[in-house]
Amino acid sequence: MGNILKYVAVDGPIGVGKTTLVKMLAEDLNGKAVFEPAEKNPFLPEFYKDRKKNAFKTQLFFLLNRYQQQLELKQRGLFDTSIFCDYTFAKDAIFAQINLSDDEKELYQKIYNLLRANLAKPDLVIYLRADSKVLLQRIKNRGIEYERLISQDYLDKLTDAYNKFFLNYQETPLLVVDTTSTNYINRSEDYAYLKKEILNHRGGTIHLITR
């Protein structure tokens, strides 16, 4: 894989296929797959039942867990081998924008900015996007109990927040992949095309066009 892409982060809304792609890339390219912290957020089921009431504590739990994991990656020097991570630290702030009240956002942003300054930036971010109706069907198909409470309206807001965040994103090189019709999981030619684009990416923002 060379010395250029040592840290690749894959991001996108719920059900878009982040974890699957990270597993495929890490296995194929002899890298290390890093997933969101294994400790389950105890507030998440309650959050989906009443988002307004439970959003802030849910968000802080995610923020601190992700920060701890990202800090450990940096401190342990794990970038000696290629890292493929199924989230970006910015993911937390995207969710905060749609879930927190204005007062909560102000406090959250101060904490987020302090933590973000200590972390390493990816060499490449892959933004996986998809139509919200497609995401809802994928979520239903995987059958996680508390995810059954996720509504079409929530997914609409989430996909919109992701699109807005990455519209003017310039922090790292970016590859945007629309997975609505691209099926890298079941079609080997789609995966080969995606992998080629990842390895050849040299900077700026590229929108992957399905062949």
C-alpha atoms as a PDB file:
ATOM      1  CA  MET A   1       0.000   0.000   0.000  1.00  0.00           C
ATOM      2  CA  GLY A   2       3.036   2.245   0.209  1.00  0.00           C
ATOM      3  CA  ASN A   3       3.782   4.988   2.703  1.00  0.00           C
ATOM      4  CA  ILE A   4       1.071   7.446   1.692  1.00  0.00           C
ATOM      5  CA  LEU A   5      -2.172   6.093   3.139  1.00  0.00           C
ATOM      6  CA  LYS A   6      -1.377   5.026   6.672  1.00  0.00           C
ATOM      7  CA  TYR A   7      -4.688   6.076   8.191  1.00  0.00           C
ATOM      8  CA  VAL A   8      -7.959   5.772   6.271  1.00  0.00           C
ATOM      9  CA  ALA A   9     -11.270   6.642   7.946  1.00  0.00           C
ATOM     10  CA  VAL A  10     -14.649   5.619   6.518  1.00  0.00           C
ATOM     11  CA  ASP A  11     -17.717   7.612   7.518  1.00  0.00           C
ATOM     12  CA  GLY A  12     -21.379   7.970   6.621  1.00  0.00           C
ATOM     13  CA  PRO A  13     -24.861   7.570   8.117  1.00  0.00           C
ATOM     14  CA  ILE A  14     -26.335   4.517   9.804  1.00  0.00           C
ATOM     15  CA  GLY A  15     -26.649   1.502   7.508  1.00  0.00           C
ATOM     16  CA  VAL A  16     -24.414   2.780   4.712  1.00  0.00           C
ATOM     17  CA  GLY A  17     -21.826  -0.025   4.968  1.00  0.00           C
ATOM     18  CA  LYS A  18     -18.868   1.522   6.800  1.00  0.00           C
ATOM     19  CA  THR A  19     -17.879  -1.449   8.932  1.00  0.00           C
ATOM     20  CA  THR A  20     -18.177  -3.927   6.064  1.00  0.00           C
ATOM     21  CA  LEU A  21     -15.912  -1.840   3.836  1.00  0.00           C
ATOM     22  CA  VAL A  22     -13.329  -1.418   6.596  1.00  0.00           C
ATOM     23  CA  LYS A  23     -13.203  -5.192   7.126  1.00  0.00           C
ATOM     24  CA  MET A  24     -12.782  -5.794   3.393  1.00  0.00           C
ATOM     25  CA  LEU A  25     -10.015  -3.209   2.983  1.00  0.00           C
ATOM     26  CA  ALA A  26      -8.073  -4.272   6.071  1.00  0.00           C
ATOM     27  CA  GLU A  27      -8.126  -7.922   5.047  1.00  0.00           C
ATOM     28  CA  ASP A  28      -7.316  -7.228   1.405  1.00  0.00           C
ATOM     29  CA  LEU A  29      -4.540  -4.710   2.056  1.00  0.00           C
ATOM     30  CA  ASN A  30      -2.994  -6.338   5.152  1.00  0.00           C
ATOM     31  CA  GLY A  31      -3.974  -3.452   7.395  1.00  0.00           C
ATOM     32  CA  LYS A  32      -5.551  -3.176  10.831  1.00  0.00           C
ATOM     33  CA  ALA A  33      -9.302  -2.682  11.141  1.00  0.00           C
ATOM     34  CA  VAL A  34     -10.386  -0.320  13.907  1.00  0.00           C
ATOM     35  CA  PHE A  35     -14.039  -0.152  14.874  1.00  0.00           C
ATOM     36  CA  GLU A  36     -15.984   2.139  17.119  1.00  0.00           C
ATOM     37  CA  PRO A  37     -15.326   1.362  20.804  1.00  0.00           C
ATOM     38  CA  ALA A  38     -16.765  -2.026  21.706  1.00  0.00           C
ATOM     39  CA  GLU A  39     -18.418  -0.781  24.882  1.00  0.00           C
ATOM     40  CA  LYS A  40     -22.063  -0.287  24.040  1.00  0.00           C
ATOM     41  CA  ASN A  41     -23.578   3.074  24.769  1.00  0.00           C
ATOM     42  CA  PRO A  42     -26.051   2.369  27.611  1.00  0.00           C
ATOM     43  CA  PHE A  43     -28.081   5.437  26.668  1.00  0.00           C
ATOM     44  CA  LEU A  44     -28.653   4.506  23.025  1.00  0.00           C
ATOM     45  CA  PRO A  45     -31.896   2.498  23.362  1.00  0.00           C
ATOM     46  CA  GLU A  46     -33.423   5.307  25.471  1.00  0.00           C
ATOM     47  CA  PHE A  47     -32.182   7.853  22.943  1.00  0.00           C
ATOM     48  CA  TYR A  48     -34.172   6.281  20.126  1.00  0.00           C
ATOM     49  CA  LYS A  49     -37.255   6.247  22.335  1.00  0.00           C
ATOM     50  CA  ASP A  50     -36.950   9.928  23.318  1.00  0.00           C
ATOM     51  CA  ARG A  51     -34.184  11.752  21.450  1.00  0.00           C
ATOM     52  CA  LYS A  52     -34.703  15.166  23.011  1.00  0.00           C
ATOM     53  CA  LYS A  53     -34.577  13.895  26.581  1.00  0.00           C
ATOM     54  CA  ASN A  54     -31.580  11.584  26.185  1.00  0.00           C
ATOM     55  CA  ALA A  55     -29.500  13.210  23.452  1.00  0.00           C
ATOM     56  CA  PHE A  56     -26.869  15.060  25.483  1.00  0.00           C
ATOM     57  CA  LYS A  57     -25.733  12.170  27.690  1.00  0.00           C
ATOM     58  CA  THR A  58     -25.787   9.821  24.697  1.00  0.00           C
ATOM     59  CA  GLN A  59     -23.649  12.248  22.705  1.00  0.00           C
ATOM     60  CA  LEU A  60     -21.098  12.783  25.468  1.00  0.00           C
ATOM     61  CA  PHE A  61     -20.686   9.046  25.992  1.00  0.00           C
ATOM     62  CA  PHE A  62     -19.927   8.571  22.302  1.00  0.00           C
ATOM     63  CA  LEU A  63     -17.607  11.581  22.228  1.00  0.00           C
ATOM     64  CA  LEU A  64     -15.448  10.487  25.152  1.00  0.00           C
ATOM     65  CA  ASN A  65     -15.258   6.847  24.041  1.00  0.00           C
ATOM     66  CA  ARG A  66     -14.228   7.789  20.514  1.00  0.00           C
ATOM     67  CA  TYR A  67     -11.706  10.298  21.824  1.00  0.00           C
ATOM     68  CA  GLN A  68     -10.106   7.713  24.101  1.00  0.00           C
ATOM     69  CA  GLN A  69      -9.764   5.226  21.273  1.00  0.00           C
ATOM     70  CA  GLN A  70      -8.341   7.777  18.831  1.00  0.00           C
ATOM     71  CA  LEU A  71      -5.886   9.016  21.445  1.00  0.00           C
ATOM     72  CA  GLU A  72      -4.679   5.462  22.100  1.00  0.00           C
ATOM     73  CA  LEU A  73      -4.087   4.948  18.382  1.00  0.00           C
ATOM     74  CA  LYS A  74      -1.919   8.056  18.254  1.00  0.00           C
ATOM     75  CA  GLN A  75       0.006   7.295  21.445  1.00  0.00           C
ATOM     76  CA  ARG A  76       0.744   3.664  20.616  1.00  0.00           C
ATOM     77  CA  GLY A  77       2.135   4.499  17.202  1.00  0.00           C
ATOM     78  CA  LEU A  78      -0.174   2.038  15.487  1.00  0.00           C
ATOM     79  CA  PHE A  79       0.152   3.998  12.273  1.00  0.00           C
ATOM     80  CA  ASP A  80       3.299   1.925  11.623  1.00  0.00           C
ATOM     81  CA  THR A  81       0.794  -0.360   9.932  1.00  0.00           C
ATOM     82  CA  SER A  82      -2.075   0.825   7.756  1.00  0.00           C
ATOM     83  CA  ILE A  83      -5.184   1.641   9.782  1.00  0.00           C
ATOM     84  CA  PHE A  84      -8.744   1.431   8.456  1.00  0.00           C
ATOM     85  CA  CYS A  85     -11.276   2.960  10.835  1.00  0.00           C
ATOM     86  CA  ASP A  86     -15.075   2.790  10.512  1.00  0.00           C
ATOM     87  CA  TYR A  87     -15.705   6.347  11.736  1.00  0.00           C
ATOM     88  CA  THR A  88     -14.152   9.803  11.851  1.00  0.00           C
ATOM     89  CA  PHE A  89     -13.973  11.846  15.022  1.00  0.00           C
ATOM     90  CA  ALA A  90     -16.073  14.461  13.199  1.00  0.00           C
ATOM     91  CA  LYS A  91     -18.936  11.950  13.135  1.00  0.00           C
ATOM     92  CA  ASP A  92     -19.782  12.897  16.684  1.00  0.00           C
ATOM     93  CA  ALA A  93     -20.199  16.574  15.825  1.00  0.00           C
ATOM     94  CA  ILE A  94     -22.443  15.729  12.859  1.00  0.00           C
ATOM     95  CA  PHE A  95     -24.836  13.805  15.100  1.00  0.00           C
ATOM     96  CA  ALA A  96     -24.688  16.565  17.703  1.00  0.00           C
ATOM     97  CA  GLN A  97     -25.922  19.122  15.167  1.00  0.00           C
ATOM     98  CA  ILE A  98     -29.216  17.312  14.659  1.00  0.00           C
ATOM     99  CA  ASN A  99     -29.746  15.906  18.144  1.00  0.00           C
ATOM    100  CA  LEU A 100     -28.828  18.649  20.633  1.00  0.00           C
ATOM    101  CA  SER A 101     -30.585  21.841  21.638  1.00  0.00           C
ATOM    102  CA  ASP A 102     -28.842  25.167  20.970  1.00  0.00           C
ATOM    103  CA  ASP A 103     -27.588  25.461  24.569  1.00  0.00           C
ATOM    104  CA  GLU A 104     -26.339  21.863  24.526  1.00  0.00           C
ATOM    105  CA  LYS A 105     -24.592  22.414  21.179  1.00  0.00           C
ATOM    106  CA  GLU A 106     -22.662  25.377  22.565  1.00  0.00           C
ATOM    107  CA  LEU A 107     -21.309  23.395  25.500  1.00  0.00           C
ATOM    108  CA  TYR A 108     -20.709  20.298  23.397  1.00  0.00           C
ATOM    109  CA  GLN A 109     -18.752  22.241  20.763  1.00  0.00           C
ATOM    110  CA  LYS A 110     -16.346  23.624  23.365  1.00  0.00           C
ATOM    111  CA  ILE A 111     -15.586  20.113  24.606  1.00  0.00           C
ATOM    112  CA  TYR A 112     -15.322  18.730  21.069  1.00  0.00           C
ATOM    113  CA  ASN A 113     -12.866  21.417  19.935  1.00  0.00           C
ATOM    114  CA  LEU A 114     -10.594  20.843  22.923  1.00  0.00           C
ATOM    115  CA  LEU A 115     -10.464  17.091  22.311  1.00  0.00           C
ATOM    116  CA  ARG A 116     -10.106  17.249  18.528  1.00  0.00           C
ATOM    117  CA  ALA A 117      -6.895  19.278  18.760  1.00  0.00           C
ATOM    118  CA  ASN A 118      -5.074  16.286  20.285  1.00  0.00           C
ATOM    119  CA  LEU A 119      -5.868  13.744  17.573  1.00  0.00           C
ATOM    120  CA  ALA A 120      -4.229  12.639  14.350  1.00  0.00           C
ATOM    121  CA  LYS A 121      -5.951  13.408  11.043  1.00  0.00           C
ATOM    122  CA  PRO A 122      -6.600  10.636   8.510  1.00  0.00           C
ATOM    123  CA  ASP A 123      -4.597  10.533   5.283  1.00  0.00           C
ATOM    124  CA  LEU A 124      -7.893   9.885   3.511  1.00  0.00           C
ATOM    125  CA  VAL A 125     -11.556  10.061   4.492  1.00  0.00           C
ATOM    126  CA  ILE A 126     -14.055   7.972   2.539  1.00  0.00           C
ATOM    127  CA  TYR A 127     -17.564   9.361   2.787  1.00  0.00           C
ATOM    128  CA  LEU A 128     -20.169   6.708   1.998  1.00  0.00           C
ATOM    129  CA  ARG A 129     -23.562   8.161   1.215  1.00  0.00           C
ATOM    130  CA  ALA A 130     -26.909   6.668   0.148  1.00  0.00           C
ATOM    131  CA  ASP A 131     -30.536   7.607  -0.282  1.00  0.00           C
ATOM    132  CA  SER A 132     -32.277   7.618   3.105  1.00  0.00           C
ATOM    133  CA  LYS A 133     -34.938   5.148   1.908  1.00  0.00           C
ATOM    134  CA  VAL A 134     -32.200   2.701   0.955  1.00  0.00           C
ATOM    135  CA  LEU A 135     -30.609   3.165   4.385  1.00  0.00           C
ATOM    136  CA  LEU A 136     -33.898   2.486   6.161  1.00  0.00           C
ATOM    137  CA  GLN A 137     -34.320  -0.783   4.270  1.00  0.00           C
ATOM    138  CA  ARG A 138     -30.774  -1.866   5.092  1.00  0.00           C
ATOM    139  CA  ILE A 139     -31.339  -1.078   8.765  1.00  0.00           C
ATOM    140  CA  LYS A 140     -34.523  -3.153   8.778  1.00  0.00           C
ATOM    141  CA  ASN A 141     -32.740  -6.025   7.074  1.00  0.00           C
ATOM    142  CA  ARG A 142     -30.015  -6.269   9.724  1.00  0.00           C
ATOM    143  CA  GLY A 143     -32.621  -6.536  12.468  1.00  0.00           C
ATOM    144  CA  ILE A 144     -30.991  -4.790  15.450  1.00  0.00           C
ATOM    145  CA  GLU A 145     -33.794  -4.377  17.959  1.00  0.00           C
ATOM    146  CA  TYR A 146     -33.339  -0.777  19.120  1.00  0.00           C
ATOM    147  CA  GLU A 147     -32.715   0.366  15.533  1.00  0.00           C
ATOM    148  CA  ARG A 148     -36.320  -0.506  14.696  1.00  0.00           C
ATOM    149  CA  LEU A 149     -37.236   2.833  16.284  1.00  0.00           C
ATOM    150  CA  ILE A 150     -35.222   4.792  13.700  1.00  0.00           C
ATOM    151  CA  SER A 151     -37.631   6.755  11.523  1.00  0.00           C
ATOM    152  CA  GLN A 152     -37.456   7.899   7.924  1.00  0.00           C
ATOM    153  CA  ASP A 153     -37.574  11.493   9.162  1.00  0.00           C
ATOM    154  CA  TYR A 154     -34.521  10.967  11.384  1.00  0.00           C
ATOM    155  CA  LEU A 155     -32.586   9.384   8.524  1.00  0.00           C
ATOM    156  CA  ASP A 156     -33.556  12.273   6.245  1.00  0.00           C
ATOM    157  CA  LYS A 157     -32.105  14.740   8.761  1.00  0.00           C
ATOM    158  CA  LEU A 158     -29.004  12.630   9.283  1.00  0.00           C
ATOM    159  CA  THR A 159     -28.202  12.214   5.594  1.00  0.00           C
ATOM    160  CA  ASP A 160     -28.765  15.931   5.079  1.00  0.00           C
ATOM    161  CA  ALA A 161     -26.386  16.754   7.954  1.00  0.00           C
ATOM    162  CA  TYR A 162     -23.710  14.467   6.503  1.00  0.00           C
ATOM    163  CA  ASN A 163     -24.090  15.947   3.020  1.00  0.00           C
ATOM    164  CA  LYS A 164     -23.796  19.488   4.370  1.00  0.00           C
ATOM    165  CA  PHE A 165     -20.743  18.621   6.470  1.00  0.00           C
ATOM    166  CA  PHE A 166     -18.835  17.083   3.573  1.00  0.00           C
ATOM    167  CA  LEU A 167     -19.987  19.637   0.985  1.00  0.00           C
ATOM    168  CA  ASN A 168     -17.158  22.048   1.861  1.00  0.00           C
ATOM    169  CA  TYR A 169     -14.909  19.591   3.710  1.00  0.00           C
ATOM    170  CA  GLN A 170     -11.198  20.412   3.341  1.00  0.00           C
ATOM    171  CA  GLU A 171      -9.500  18.991   6.432  1.00  0.00           C
ATOM    172  CA  THR A 172      -8.176  15.904   4.640  1.00  0.00           C
ATOM    173  CA  PRO A 173      -8.278  14.310   1.186  1.00  0.00           C
ATOM    174  CA  LEU A 174     -11.826  13.054   0.600  1.00  0.00           C
ATOM    175  CA  LEU A 175     -13.386  10.337  -1.550  1.00  0.00           C
ATOM    176  CA  VAL A 176     -17.189  10.521  -1.831  1.00  0.00           C
ATOM    177  CA  VAL A 177     -18.904   7.245  -2.750  1.00  0.00           C
ATOM    178  CA  ASP A 178     -22.639   6.940  -3.399  1.00  0.00           C
ATOM    179  CA  THR A 179     -23.578   3.420  -2.290  1.00  0.00           C
ATOM    180  CA  THR A 180     -27.222   3.673  -3.388  1.00  0.00           C
ATOM    181  CA  SER A 181     -26.430   1.683  -6.525  1.00  0.00           C
ATOM    182  CA  THR A 182     -22.787   0.710  -5.967  1.00  0.00           C
ATOM    183  CA  ASN A 183     -22.603  -2.760  -4.402  1.00  0.00           C
ATOM    184  CA  TYR A 184     -19.009  -3.405  -3.378  1.00  0.00           C
ATOM    185  CA  ILE A 185     -20.153  -6.135  -0.988  1.00  0.00           C
ATOM    186  CA  ASN A 186     -21.665  -8.478  -3.573  1.00  0.00           C
ATOM    187  CA  ARG A 187     -20.087  -7.304  -6.842  1.00  0.00           C
ATOM    188  CA  SER A 188     -16.336  -7.889  -7.052  1.00  0.00           C
ATOM    189  CA  GLU A 189     -15.951  -5.442  -9.946  1.00  0.00           C
ATOM    190  CA  ASP A 190     -17.476  -2.630  -7.850  1.00  0.00           C
ATOM    191  CA  TYR A 191     -15.077  -3.383  -4.998  1.00  0.00           C
ATOM    192  CA  ALA A 192     -12.065  -3.547  -7.332  1.00  0.00           C
ATOM    193  CA  TYR A 193     -12.998  -0.175  -8.821  1.00  0.00           C
ATOM    194  CA  LEU A 194     -13.434   1.384  -5.374  1.00  0.00           C
ATOM    195  CA  LYS A 195     -10.141  -0.031  -4.109  1.00  0.00           C
ATOM    196  CA  LYS A 196      -8.299   1.322  -7.151  1.00  0.00           C
ATOM    197  CA  GLU A 197      -9.722   4.807  -6.530  1.00  0.00           C
ATOM    198  CA  ILE A 198      -8.714   4.651  -2.866  1.00  0.00           C
ATOM    199  CA  LEU A 199      -5.132   3.630  -3.610  1.00  0.00           C
ATOM    200  CA  ASN A 200      -4.751   6.209  -6.387  1.00  0.00           C
ATOM    201  CA  HIS A 201      -6.196   9.124  -4.412  1.00  0.00           C
ATOM    202  CA  ARG A 202      -3.598  11.862  -4.048  1.00  0.00           C
ATOM    203  CA  GLY A 203      -5.442  14.826  -2.587  1.00  0.00           C
ATOM    204  CA  GLY A 204      -8.463  17.062  -2.713  1.00  0.00           C
ATOM    205  CA  THR A 205     -12.040  15.824  -3.082  1.00  0.00           C
ATOM    206  CA  ILE A 206     -13.055  13.183  -5.607  1.00  0.00           C
ATOM    207  CA  HIS A 207     -16.615  11.993  -6.254  1.00  0.00           C
ATOM    208  CA  LEU A 208     -16.593   8.379  -7.348  1.00  0.00           C
ATOM    209  CA  ILE A 209     -18.825   7.979 -10.373  1.00  0.00           C
ATOM    210  CA  THR A 210     -20.433   4.567 -10.768  1.00  0.00           C
ATOM    211  CA  ARG A 211     -19.502   2.997 -14.060  1.00  0.00           C
END
